Amino acid sequence: MSEQTPVQQPKIREKGRLMSASEIERTLVRLAHEIVEKNNGGQNLGLVGIKRRGVPIAQRLAVMIEKIERHPIDTGVLDISFYRDDLTTSGARPTVAAGDIGFDVTGRDIVLIDDVLYTGRTTRAALDALFDHGRPRSVQLLALIDRGHRELPIEATYIGRAIPTSSREIIEVKLNEVDGQEQVLLVEKAD
């Protein structure tokens, strides 16, 4: 009988905090106004958060847009699962889990929401999943953080912050709804 050795995770060191809770809030307020302006209001708007951290961002934006527009905004969830080692860039293959978004996307102006835009693979998988649910009139992408390093020709319509990173660096978005804390961190894989 062979003994299995545990997989050793690379050490990660924190390089700094990029956004505090109040900076995240201010950024979301700005993004909510940009969405309303670009879409001439919110009448045909639907917000779809990519699981996990895109969902609370979408929900927060919906509340803000509802206050601006004085009517409810449909908010849905798109479930994307990663079958990869998050600490390496090789073999990243987002896969889409079946599930209901929560409203009909057909003919709607959809804002697809994620916490970090990196290679574009998550967005590509999310677009495939979204179109499996219907045919939106338009799809716009919102990312709280755009860190560059695209492998696919994908660009966000709305960006909270563009933060150039090295391939050794990782952006960690922490949200109260998921993590019990609120901040954006820059961390680096240590040798």
N, C-alpha and C. Protein backbone atom coordinates (compact mmCIF):
# COMPACT_ATOMS: atom_id res chain seq x y z
N MET A 1 0.85 -1.18 0.00
CA MET A 1 0.00 0.00 0.00
C MET A 1 0.90 1.24 0.00
N SER A 2 0.68 2.11 -0.97
CA SER A 2 1.51 3.31 -1.03
C SER A 2 0.89 4.44 -0.23
N GLU A 3 1.75 5.22 0.33
CA GLU A 3 1.30 6.35 1.11
C GLU A 3 1.21 7.58 0.22
N GLN A 4 0.11 8.32 0.33
CA GLN A 4 -0.04 9.53 -0.49
C GLN A 4 0.52 10.72 0.28
N THR A 5 1.31 11.49 -0.41
CA THR A 5 1.82 12.71 0.21
C THR A 5 0.84 13.84 -0.09
N PRO A 6 0.57 14.66 0.91
CA PRO A 6 -0.35 15.77 0.67
C PRO A 6 0.23 16.75 -0.35
N VAL A 7 -0.65 17.33 -1.14
CA VAL A 7 -0.23 18.32 -2.12
C VAL A 7 0.17 19.57 -1.35
N GLN A 8 1.37 20.04 -1.61
CA GLN A 8 1.86 21.22 -0.91
C GLN A 8 1.45 22.47 -1.70
N GLN A 9 0.77 23.36 -1.01
CA GLN A 9 0.35 24.61 -1.62
C GLN A 9 1.51 25.61 -1.57
N PRO A 10 1.72 26.35 -2.66
CA PRO A 10 2.76 27.37 -2.63
C PRO A 10 2.45 28.43 -1.56
N LYS A 11 3.48 28.95 -0.98
CA LYS A 11 3.29 30.00 0.02
C LYS A 11 2.91 31.30 -0.70
N ILE A 12 2.05 32.05 -0.04
CA ILE A 12 1.60 33.31 -0.61
C ILE A 12 1.87 34.40 0.41
N ARG A 13 2.40 35.51 -0.08
CA ARG A 13 2.61 36.63 0.84
C ARG A 13 1.80 37.83 0.36
N GLU A 14 1.24 38.54 1.33
CA GLU A 14 0.44 39.71 1.02
C GLU A 14 1.36 40.88 0.68
N LYS A 15 1.09 41.51 -0.47
CA LYS A 15 1.90 42.66 -0.89
C LYS A 15 1.23 43.98 -0.52
N GLY A 16 -0.09 43.95 -0.38
CA GLY A 16 -0.75 45.20 -0.01
C GLY A 16 -2.24 45.15 -0.24
N ARG A 17 -2.92 46.08 0.40
CA ARG A 17 -4.36 46.22 0.22
C ARG A 17 -4.60 47.24 -0.87
N LEU A 18 -5.36 46.83 -1.89
CA LEU A 18 -5.64 47.70 -3.02
C LEU A 18 -6.90 48.52 -2.83
N MET A 19 -7.88 47.93 -2.14
CA MET A 19 -9.14 48.64 -1.89
C MET A 19 -9.67 48.28 -0.51
N SER A 20 -10.15 49.28 0.19
CA SER A 20 -10.80 49.08 1.48
C SER A 20 -12.30 48.89 1.24
N ALA A 21 -13.03 48.61 2.28
CA ALA A 21 -14.48 48.45 2.17
C ALA A 21 -15.13 49.72 1.61
N SER A 22 -14.71 50.87 2.10
CA SER A 22 -15.32 52.12 1.62
C SER A 22 -14.94 52.40 0.16
N GLU A 23 -13.73 52.01 -0.24
CA GLU A 23 -13.33 52.19 -1.64
C GLU A 23 -14.13 51.26 -2.56
N ILE A 24 -14.40 50.05 -2.11
CA ILE A 24 -15.24 49.13 -2.89
C ILE A 24 -16.64 49.74 -3.04
N GLU A 25 -17.19 50.24 -1.96
CA GLU A 25 -18.53 50.84 -1.98
C GLU A 25 -18.59 52.03 -2.95
N ARG A 26 -17.63 52.93 -2.86
CA ARG A 26 -17.60 54.10 -3.75
C ARG A 26 -17.48 53.67 -5.21
N THR A 27 -16.67 52.65 -5.46
CA THR A 27 -16.49 52.15 -6.83
C THR A 27 -17.80 51.58 -7.36
N LEU A 28 -18.52 50.83 -6.53
CA LEU A 28 -19.79 50.26 -6.96
C LEU A 28 -20.84 51.35 -7.23
N VAL A 29 -20.84 52.40 -6.43
CA VAL A 29 -21.75 53.52 -6.67
C VAL A 29 -21.45 54.14 -8.04
N ARG A 30 -20.18 54.35 -8.34
CA ARG A 30 -19.79 54.90 -9.64
C ARG A 30 -20.23 53.98 -10.77
N LEU A 31 -19.98 52.68 -10.61
CA LEU A 31 -20.34 51.72 -11.65
C LEU A 31 -21.86 51.67 -11.86
N ALA A 32 -22.62 51.76 -10.78
CA ALA A 32 -24.09 51.77 -10.91
C ALA A 32 -24.54 52.95 -11.76
N HIS A 33 -23.97 54.12 -11.52
CA HIS A 33 -24.31 55.30 -12.32
C HIS A 33 -23.88 55.13 -13.78
N GLU A 34 -22.72 54.54 -14.01
CA GLU A 34 -22.26 54.30 -15.39
C GLU A 34 -23.21 53.35 -16.12
N ILE A 35 -23.68 52.31 -15.44
CA ILE A 35 -24.61 51.36 -16.05
C ILE A 35 -25.91 52.06 -16.44
N VAL A 36 -26.44 52.85 -15.53
CA VAL A 36 -27.70 53.57 -15.80
C VAL A 36 -27.51 54.52 -16.98
N GLU A 37 -26.41 55.26 -16.99
CA GLU A 37 -26.16 56.21 -18.07
C GLU A 37 -26.02 55.51 -19.42
N LYS A 38 -25.23 54.46 -19.48
CA LYS A 38 -24.98 53.76 -20.75
C LYS A 38 -26.24 53.08 -21.29
N ASN A 39 -27.13 52.67 -20.39
CA ASN A 39 -28.33 51.94 -20.80
C ASN A 39 -29.58 52.80 -20.81
N ASN A 40 -29.41 54.12 -20.75
CA ASN A 40 -30.55 55.05 -20.74
C ASN A 40 -31.60 54.64 -19.72
N GLY A 41 -31.14 54.38 -18.51
CA GLY A 41 -32.03 53.94 -17.45
C GLY A 41 -31.89 52.45 -17.21
N GLY A 42 -32.89 51.88 -16.58
CA GLY A 42 -32.80 50.47 -16.23
C GLY A 42 -33.99 49.65 -16.66
N GLN A 43 -34.82 50.18 -17.56
CA GLN A 43 -36.06 49.50 -17.93
C GLN A 43 -35.84 48.10 -18.50
N ASN A 44 -34.82 47.91 -19.33
CA ASN A 44 -34.61 46.63 -20.00
C ASN A 44 -33.40 45.88 -19.43
N LEU A 45 -32.94 46.33 -18.28
CA LEU A 45 -31.68 45.87 -17.71
C LEU A 45 -31.85 44.61 -16.88
N GLY A 46 -30.86 43.72 -16.97
CA GLY A 46 -30.77 42.57 -16.09
C GLY A 46 -29.32 42.39 -15.69
N LEU A 47 -29.07 42.14 -14.41
CA LEU A 47 -27.72 41.94 -13.91
C LEU A 47 -27.53 40.46 -13.60
N VAL A 48 -26.44 39.89 -14.10
CA VAL A 48 -26.15 38.47 -13.88
C VAL A 48 -24.76 38.35 -13.27
N GLY A 49 -24.72 37.87 -12.03
CA GLY A 49 -23.45 37.68 -11.34
C GLY A 49 -22.90 36.30 -11.58
N ILE A 50 -21.59 36.24 -11.87
CA ILE A 50 -20.92 34.95 -12.02
C ILE A 50 -20.53 34.47 -10.63
N LYS A 51 -20.98 33.25 -10.28
CA LYS A 51 -20.66 32.70 -8.97
C LYS A 51 -19.17 32.63 -8.77
N ARG A 52 -18.64 32.97 -7.73
CA ARG A 52 -19.14 33.25 -6.42
C ARG A 52 -19.23 34.75 -6.19
N ARG A 53 -18.13 35.46 -6.32
CA ARG A 53 -18.12 36.85 -5.88
C ARG A 53 -18.81 37.82 -6.83
N GLY A 54 -19.11 37.40 -8.05
CA GLY A 54 -19.88 38.26 -8.95
C GLY A 54 -21.32 38.42 -8.50
N VAL A 55 -21.82 37.43 -7.75
CA VAL A 55 -23.22 37.44 -7.31
C VAL A 55 -23.49 38.56 -6.31
N PRO A 56 -22.72 38.67 -5.21
CA PRO A 56 -23.00 39.78 -4.29
C PRO A 56 -22.74 41.15 -4.93
N ILE A 57 -21.79 41.22 -5.84
CA ILE A 57 -21.55 42.49 -6.53
C ILE A 57 -22.79 42.85 -7.35
N ALA A 58 -23.35 41.89 -8.07
CA ALA A 58 -24.57 42.12 -8.87
C ALA A 58 -25.73 42.54 -7.97
N GLN A 59 -25.87 41.87 -6.84
CA GLN A 59 -26.97 42.20 -5.93
C GLN A 59 -26.82 43.61 -5.36
N ARG A 60 -25.61 43.98 -4.99
CA ARG A 60 -25.39 45.34 -4.48
C ARG A 60 -25.67 46.39 -5.55
N LEU A 61 -25.19 46.12 -6.78
CA LEU A 61 -25.43 47.07 -7.87
C LEU A 61 -26.92 47.21 -8.16
N ALA A 62 -27.65 46.10 -8.09
CA ALA A 62 -29.10 46.14 -8.33
C ALA A 62 -29.79 47.06 -7.32
N VAL A 63 -29.41 46.95 -6.06
CA VAL A 63 -30.00 47.81 -5.03
C VAL A 63 -29.70 49.28 -5.33
N MET A 64 -28.47 49.57 -5.72
CA MET A 64 -28.08 50.95 -6.03
C MET A 64 -28.84 51.48 -7.25
N ILE A 65 -28.95 50.66 -8.30
CA ILE A 65 -29.65 51.09 -9.51
C ILE A 65 -31.14 51.25 -9.23
N GLU A 66 -31.71 50.38 -8.40
CA GLU A 66 -33.12 50.51 -8.02
C GLU A 66 -33.38 51.85 -7.34
N LYS A 67 -32.44 52.30 -6.50
CA LYS A 67 -32.60 53.60 -5.83
C LYS A 67 -32.54 54.74 -6.84
N ILE A 68 -31.67 54.62 -7.84
CA ILE A 68 -31.53 55.66 -8.85
C ILE A 68 -32.76 55.68 -9.75
N GLU A 69 -33.18 54.51 -10.22
CA GLU A 69 -34.24 54.39 -11.23
C GLU A 69 -35.64 54.24 -10.64
N ARG A 70 -35.74 53.95 -9.36
CA ARG A 70 -37.00 53.79 -8.64
C ARG A 70 -37.89 52.67 -9.20
N HIS A 71 -37.23 51.59 -9.65
CA HIS A 71 -37.96 50.36 -9.99
C HIS A 71 -37.02 49.17 -9.85
N PRO A 72 -37.59 47.98 -9.63
CA PRO A 72 -36.74 46.81 -9.39
C PRO A 72 -35.91 46.43 -10.62
N ILE A 73 -34.74 45.88 -10.37
CA ILE A 73 -33.84 45.41 -11.42
C ILE A 73 -33.69 43.90 -11.25
N ASP A 74 -33.94 43.15 -12.31
CA ASP A 74 -33.76 41.70 -12.26
C ASP A 74 -32.29 41.36 -12.04
N THR A 75 -32.05 40.45 -11.12
CA THR A 75 -30.69 40.01 -10.81
C THR A 75 -30.67 38.50 -10.82
N GLY A 76 -29.67 37.94 -11.50
CA GLY A 76 -29.57 36.49 -11.59
C GLY A 76 -28.19 35.99 -11.27
N VAL A 77 -28.07 34.66 -11.27
CA VAL A 77 -26.83 33.97 -10.91
C VAL A 77 -26.44 33.04 -12.04
N LEU A 78 -25.17 33.10 -12.42
CA LEU A 78 -24.62 32.17 -13.39
C LEU A 78 -23.56 31.35 -12.67
N ASP A 79 -23.72 30.03 -12.69
CA ASP A 79 -22.84 29.15 -11.94
C ASP A 79 -21.71 28.65 -12.84
N ILE A 80 -20.50 29.10 -12.56
CA ILE A 80 -19.32 28.67 -13.30
C ILE A 80 -18.41 27.96 -12.30
N SER A 81 -18.00 26.76 -12.63
CA SER A 81 -17.10 26.00 -11.75
C SER A 81 -15.75 25.85 -12.43
N PHE A 82 -14.70 25.98 -11.66
CA PHE A 82 -13.34 25.83 -12.22
C PHE A 82 -12.80 24.47 -11.84
N TYR A 83 -12.33 23.76 -12.81
CA TYR A 83 -11.64 22.50 -12.56
C TYR A 83 -10.17 22.74 -12.88
N ARG A 84 -9.53 23.43 -11.96
CA ARG A 84 -8.13 23.79 -12.17
C ARG A 84 -7.48 24.04 -10.83
N ASP A 85 -6.18 24.11 -10.88
CA ASP A 85 -5.41 24.51 -9.71
C ASP A 85 -5.31 26.03 -9.78
N ASP A 86 -5.94 26.72 -8.87
CA ASP A 86 -5.98 28.18 -8.90
C ASP A 86 -4.62 28.83 -8.80
N LEU A 87 -3.61 28.08 -8.43
CA LEU A 87 -2.31 28.68 -8.23
C LEU A 87 -1.39 28.51 -9.43
N THR A 88 -1.89 27.88 -10.51
CA THR A 88 -1.11 27.80 -11.73
C THR A 88 -1.95 28.30 -12.88
N THR A 89 -1.30 28.74 -13.92
CA THR A 89 -2.06 29.22 -15.07
C THR A 89 -2.23 28.14 -16.12
N SER A 90 -1.57 27.00 -15.94
CA SER A 90 -1.70 25.93 -16.93
C SER A 90 -2.96 25.13 -16.67
N GLY A 91 -3.64 24.77 -17.73
CA GLY A 91 -4.80 23.91 -17.63
C GLY A 91 -6.05 24.58 -17.11
N ALA A 92 -6.14 25.88 -17.17
CA ALA A 92 -7.35 26.56 -16.69
C ALA A 92 -8.48 26.30 -17.66
N ARG A 93 -9.49 25.59 -17.18
CA ARG A 93 -10.63 25.26 -18.04
C ARG A 93 -11.93 25.50 -17.28
N PRO A 94 -12.50 26.71 -17.38
CA PRO A 94 -13.77 26.94 -16.71
C PRO A 94 -14.85 26.06 -17.34
N THR A 95 -15.68 25.48 -16.51
CA THR A 95 -16.81 24.72 -17.02
C THR A 95 -18.08 25.29 -16.41
N VAL A 96 -19.15 25.10 -17.12
CA VAL A 96 -20.41 25.70 -16.71
C VAL A 96 -21.32 24.64 -16.13
N ALA A 97 -21.84 24.90 -14.96
CA ALA A 97 -22.80 23.99 -14.35
C ALA A 97 -24.21 24.45 -14.73
N ALA A 98 -25.06 23.49 -15.02
CA ALA A 98 -26.43 23.81 -15.39
C ALA A 98 -27.14 24.45 -14.19
N GLY A 99 -27.98 25.38 -14.45
CA GLY A 99 -28.74 26.03 -13.39
C GLY A 99 -29.53 27.17 -13.98
N ASP A 100 -30.54 27.59 -13.25
CA ASP A 100 -31.40 28.65 -13.73
C ASP A 100 -30.86 30.00 -13.31
N ILE A 101 -30.82 30.94 -14.24
CA ILE A 101 -30.33 32.28 -13.93
C ILE A 101 -31.27 32.99 -12.97
N GLY A 102 -32.56 32.80 -13.15
CA GLY A 102 -33.52 33.42 -12.25
C GLY A 102 -34.50 34.35 -12.95
N PHE A 103 -34.23 34.70 -14.20
CA PHE A 103 -35.16 35.50 -15.01
C PHE A 103 -34.85 35.26 -16.47
N ASP A 104 -35.78 35.64 -17.34
CA ASP A 104 -35.60 35.42 -18.78
C ASP A 104 -34.68 36.50 -19.34
N VAL A 105 -33.58 36.08 -19.95
CA VAL A 105 -32.60 37.03 -20.48
C VAL A 105 -32.91 37.45 -21.92
N THR A 106 -33.84 36.76 -22.57
CA THR A 106 -34.14 37.02 -23.98
C THR A 106 -34.60 38.46 -24.18
N GLY A 107 -33.93 39.15 -25.12
CA GLY A 107 -34.30 40.52 -25.46
C GLY A 107 -33.86 41.57 -24.45
N ARG A 108 -33.14 41.16 -23.44
CA ARG A 108 -32.74 42.08 -22.37
C ARG A 108 -31.32 42.59 -22.58
N ASP A 109 -31.02 43.72 -21.97
CA ASP A 109 -29.66 44.26 -21.90
C ASP A 109 -29.05 43.68 -20.62
N ILE A 110 -28.12 42.76 -20.79
CA ILE A 110 -27.56 42.04 -19.65
C ILE A 110 -26.18 42.59 -19.32
N VAL A 111 -25.96 42.81 -18.02
CA VAL A 111 -24.63 43.14 -17.54
C VAL A 111 -24.15 41.90 -16.79
N LEU A 112 -23.12 41.28 -17.35
CA LEU A 112 -22.49 40.10 -16.77
C LEU A 112 -21.42 40.59 -15.81
N ILE A 113 -21.44 40.10 -14.56
CA ILE A 113 -20.62 40.69 -13.51
C ILE A 113 -19.69 39.65 -12.89
N ASP A 114 -18.40 40.01 -12.82
CA ASP A 114 -17.39 39.17 -12.17
C ASP A 114 -16.50 40.04 -11.30
N ASP A 115 -15.83 39.42 -10.34
CA ASP A 115 -14.98 40.21 -9.45
C ASP A 115 -13.66 40.58 -10.11
N VAL A 116 -13.01 39.60 -10.78
CA VAL A 116 -11.71 39.87 -11.39
C VAL A 116 -11.72 39.38 -12.83
N LEU A 117 -11.28 40.24 -13.75
CA LEU A 117 -11.09 39.85 -15.14
C LEU A 117 -9.60 39.60 -15.33
N TYR A 118 -9.26 38.39 -15.79
CA TYR A 118 -7.86 38.00 -15.93
C TYR A 118 -7.64 37.49 -17.35
N THR A 119 -7.71 36.20 -17.58
CA THR A 119 -7.43 35.64 -18.91
C THR A 119 -8.60 35.80 -19.88
N GLY A 120 -9.81 35.91 -19.35
CA GLY A 120 -11.02 35.98 -20.19
C GLY A 120 -11.73 34.65 -20.32
N ARG A 121 -11.13 33.58 -19.80
CA ARG A 121 -11.73 32.25 -19.94
C ARG A 121 -13.04 32.13 -19.17
N THR A 122 -13.11 32.69 -17.99
CA THR A 122 -14.36 32.65 -17.23
C THR A 122 -15.47 33.37 -17.99
N THR A 123 -15.14 34.54 -18.53
CA THR A 123 -16.12 35.31 -19.28
C THR A 123 -16.60 34.54 -20.50
N ARG A 124 -15.69 33.90 -21.21
CA ARG A 124 -16.08 33.12 -22.38
C ARG A 124 -17.04 32.00 -22.00
N ALA A 125 -16.72 31.27 -20.94
CA ALA A 125 -17.60 30.20 -20.47
C ALA A 125 -18.94 30.76 -20.02
N ALA A 126 -18.92 31.91 -19.36
CA ALA A 126 -20.15 32.54 -18.89
C ALA A 126 -21.02 32.99 -20.07
N LEU A 127 -20.41 33.51 -21.12
CA LEU A 127 -21.18 33.90 -22.31
C LEU A 127 -21.86 32.69 -22.95
N ASP A 128 -21.13 31.59 -23.03
CA ASP A 128 -21.73 30.36 -23.57
C ASP A 128 -22.94 29.96 -22.73
N ALA A 129 -22.78 29.98 -21.42
CA ALA A 129 -23.87 29.60 -20.52
C ALA A 129 -25.04 30.57 -20.64
N LEU A 130 -24.75 31.85 -20.71
CA LEU A 130 -25.79 32.86 -20.82
C LEU A 130 -26.65 32.63 -22.06
N PHE A 131 -25.99 32.36 -23.19
CA PHE A 131 -26.73 32.16 -24.44
C PHE A 131 -27.47 30.83 -24.46
N ASP A 132 -27.09 29.90 -23.60
CA ASP A 132 -27.88 28.67 -23.44
C ASP A 132 -29.22 28.97 -22.77
N HIS A 133 -29.30 30.08 -22.05
CA HIS A 133 -30.53 30.47 -21.35
C HIS A 133 -31.44 31.38 -22.17
N GLY A 134 -30.96 31.88 -23.29
CA GLY A 134 -31.77 32.78 -24.11
C GLY A 134 -30.88 33.69 -24.93
N ARG A 135 -31.51 34.56 -25.67
CA ARG A 135 -30.78 35.47 -26.55
C ARG A 135 -30.96 36.90 -26.06
N PRO A 136 -30.00 37.42 -25.29
CA PRO A 136 -30.09 38.81 -24.83
C PRO A 136 -29.98 39.78 -26.01
N ARG A 137 -30.54 40.97 -25.83
CA ARG A 137 -30.38 42.02 -26.85
C ARG A 137 -28.93 42.48 -26.89
N SER A 138 -28.34 42.63 -25.71
CA SER A 138 -26.92 43.00 -25.62
C SER A 138 -26.34 42.41 -24.34
N VAL A 139 -25.02 42.23 -24.35
CA VAL A 139 -24.31 41.76 -23.16
C VAL A 139 -23.14 42.69 -22.93
N GLN A 140 -23.06 43.21 -21.73
CA GLN A 140 -21.96 44.06 -21.32
C GLN A 140 -21.26 43.35 -20.16
N LEU A 141 -19.97 43.56 -20.02
CA LEU A 141 -19.20 42.92 -18.95
C LEU A 141 -18.76 43.96 -17.94
N LEU A 142 -18.92 43.62 -16.66
CA LEU A 142 -18.44 44.46 -15.57
C LEU A 142 -17.47 43.63 -14.73
N ALA A 143 -16.31 44.19 -14.46
CA ALA A 143 -15.33 43.56 -13.57
C ALA A 143 -14.92 44.57 -12.51
N LEU A 144 -14.97 44.17 -11.26
CA LEU A 144 -14.51 45.05 -10.19
C LEU A 144 -13.03 45.36 -10.39
N ILE A 145 -12.24 44.33 -10.76
CA ILE A 145 -10.81 44.49 -10.99
C ILE A 145 -10.46 43.89 -12.35
N ASP A 146 -9.74 44.65 -13.16
CA ASP A 146 -9.19 44.14 -14.42
C ASP A 146 -7.68 44.09 -14.24
N ARG A 147 -7.13 42.87 -14.23
CA ARG A 147 -5.70 42.73 -13.96
C ARG A 147 -4.88 42.44 -15.21
N GLY A 148 -5.51 42.46 -16.38
CA GLY A 148 -4.74 42.25 -17.61
C GLY A 148 -4.45 40.79 -17.86
N HIS A 149 -3.47 40.52 -18.70
CA HIS A 149 -3.02 39.16 -19.05
C HIS A 149 -4.06 38.37 -19.83
N ARG A 150 -4.81 39.01 -20.71
CA ARG A 150 -5.85 38.34 -21.46
C ARG A 150 -5.29 37.27 -22.39
N GLU A 151 -5.96 36.13 -22.45
CA GLU A 151 -5.66 35.08 -23.40
C GLU A 151 -6.70 35.05 -24.51
N LEU A 152 -7.81 35.74 -24.29
CA LEU A 152 -8.90 35.81 -25.26
C LEU A 152 -9.24 37.28 -25.49
N PRO A 153 -9.80 37.62 -26.65
CA PRO A 153 -10.11 39.02 -26.95
C PRO A 153 -11.39 39.48 -26.24
N ILE A 154 -11.29 39.64 -24.93
CA ILE A 154 -12.44 40.04 -24.12
C ILE A 154 -12.08 41.31 -23.37
N GLU A 155 -13.01 42.25 -23.41
CA GLU A 155 -12.80 43.55 -22.75
C GLU A 155 -14.04 43.90 -21.95
N ALA A 156 -13.85 44.43 -20.75
CA ALA A 156 -14.98 44.82 -19.91
C ALA A 156 -15.52 46.18 -20.34
N THR A 157 -16.84 46.30 -20.32
CA THR A 157 -17.51 47.58 -20.57
C THR A 157 -17.34 48.50 -19.36
N TYR A 158 -17.41 47.90 -18.18
CA TYR A 158 -17.30 48.65 -16.93
C TYR A 158 -16.18 48.03 -16.09
N ILE A 159 -15.27 48.88 -15.64
CA ILE A 159 -14.15 48.42 -14.82
C ILE A 159 -14.10 49.25 -13.55
N GLY A 160 -14.10 48.54 -12.42
CA GLY A 160 -13.95 49.24 -11.14
C GLY A 160 -12.56 49.84 -11.04
N ARG A 161 -11.56 48.98 -11.24
CA ARG A 161 -10.18 49.42 -11.22
C ARG A 161 -9.33 48.53 -12.11
N ALA A 162 -8.45 49.13 -12.89
CA ALA A 162 -7.47 48.38 -13.68
C ALA A 162 -6.19 48.32 -12.85
N ILE A 163 -5.74 47.11 -12.57
CA ILE A 163 -4.56 46.92 -11.74
C ILE A 163 -3.62 45.97 -12.48
N PRO A 164 -2.61 46.53 -13.15
CA PRO A 164 -1.64 45.67 -13.84
C PRO A 164 -0.92 44.79 -12.83
N THR A 165 -0.76 43.52 -13.17
CA THR A 165 -0.11 42.58 -12.26
C THR A 165 0.93 41.76 -13.03
N SER A 166 1.81 41.14 -12.27
CA SER A 166 2.73 40.17 -12.87
C SER A 166 2.06 38.80 -12.82
N SER A 167 2.63 37.85 -13.51
CA SER A 167 2.05 36.50 -13.52
C SER A 167 2.19 35.82 -12.15
N ARG A 168 3.08 36.32 -11.31
CA ARG A 168 3.26 35.76 -9.95
C ARG A 168 2.26 36.34 -8.96
N GLU A 169 1.64 37.44 -9.33
CA GLU A 169 0.72 38.11 -8.41
C GLU A 169 -0.71 37.61 -8.59
N ILE A 170 -1.46 37.71 -7.52
CA ILE A 170 -2.86 37.29 -7.50
C ILE A 170 -3.67 38.39 -6.84
N ILE A 171 -4.82 38.67 -7.40
CA ILE A 171 -5.76 39.62 -6.79
C ILE A 171 -6.77 38.80 -5.99
N GLU A 172 -6.93 39.13 -4.73
CA GLU A 172 -7.93 38.47 -3.89
C GLU A 172 -9.00 39.48 -3.51
N VAL A 173 -10.22 39.26 -4.03
CA VAL A 173 -11.36 40.09 -3.66
C VAL A 173 -12.06 39.40 -2.51
N LYS A 174 -12.21 40.11 -1.42
CA LYS A 174 -12.89 39.59 -0.23
C LYS A 174 -14.17 40.39 -0.03
N LEU A 175 -15.30 39.69 0.00
CA LEU A 175 -16.59 40.34 0.18
C LEU A 175 -17.28 39.77 1.42
N ASN A 176 -17.95 40.63 2.16
CA ASN A 176 -18.62 40.20 3.40
C ASN A 176 -19.53 39.00 3.19
N GLU A 177 -20.28 39.00 2.09
CA GLU A 177 -21.27 37.94 1.85
C GLU A 177 -20.62 36.57 1.67
N VAL A 178 -19.38 36.53 1.20
CA VAL A 178 -18.69 35.27 0.92
C VAL A 178 -17.58 35.00 1.94
N ASP A 179 -16.82 36.03 2.28
CA ASP A 179 -15.60 35.87 3.06
C ASP A 179 -15.67 36.42 4.48
N GLY A 180 -16.73 37.16 4.81
CA GLY A 180 -16.82 37.75 6.14
C GLY A 180 -15.89 38.93 6.33
N GLN A 181 -15.34 39.44 5.26
CA GLN A 181 -14.50 40.65 5.30
C GLN A 181 -14.63 41.36 3.97
N GLU A 182 -14.21 42.60 3.93
CA GLU A 182 -14.42 43.44 2.75
C GLU A 182 -13.13 44.17 2.40
N GLN A 183 -12.44 43.69 1.36
CA GLN A 183 -11.23 44.36 0.88
C GLN A 183 -10.75 43.67 -0.38
N VAL A 184 -9.84 44.34 -1.08
CA VAL A 184 -9.17 43.74 -2.22
C VAL A 184 -7.67 43.76 -1.91
N LEU A 185 -7.06 42.57 -2.02
CA LEU A 185 -5.65 42.40 -1.69
C LEU A 185 -4.83 42.02 -2.91
N LEU A 186 -3.59 42.46 -2.91
CA LEU A 186 -2.62 41.98 -3.88
C LEU A 186 -1.68 41.04 -3.14
N VAL A 187 -1.61 39.80 -3.60
CA VAL A 187 -0.72 38.82 -2.97
C VAL A 187 0.21 38.28 -4.04
N GLU A 188 1.29 37.66 -3.59
CA GLU A 188 2.29 37.13 -4.53
C GLU A 188 2.70 35.73 -4.08
N LYS A 189 2.88 34.86 -5.06
CA LYS A 189 3.38 33.51 -4.78
C LYS A 189 4.84 33.64 -4.36
N ALA A 190 5.15 33.10 -3.20
CA ALA A 190 6.54 33.12 -2.71
C ALA A 190 7.25 31.87 -3.20
N ASP A 191 8.57 31.96 -3.31
CA ASP A 191 9.35 30.79 -3.77
C ASP A 191 9.40 29.69 -2.76
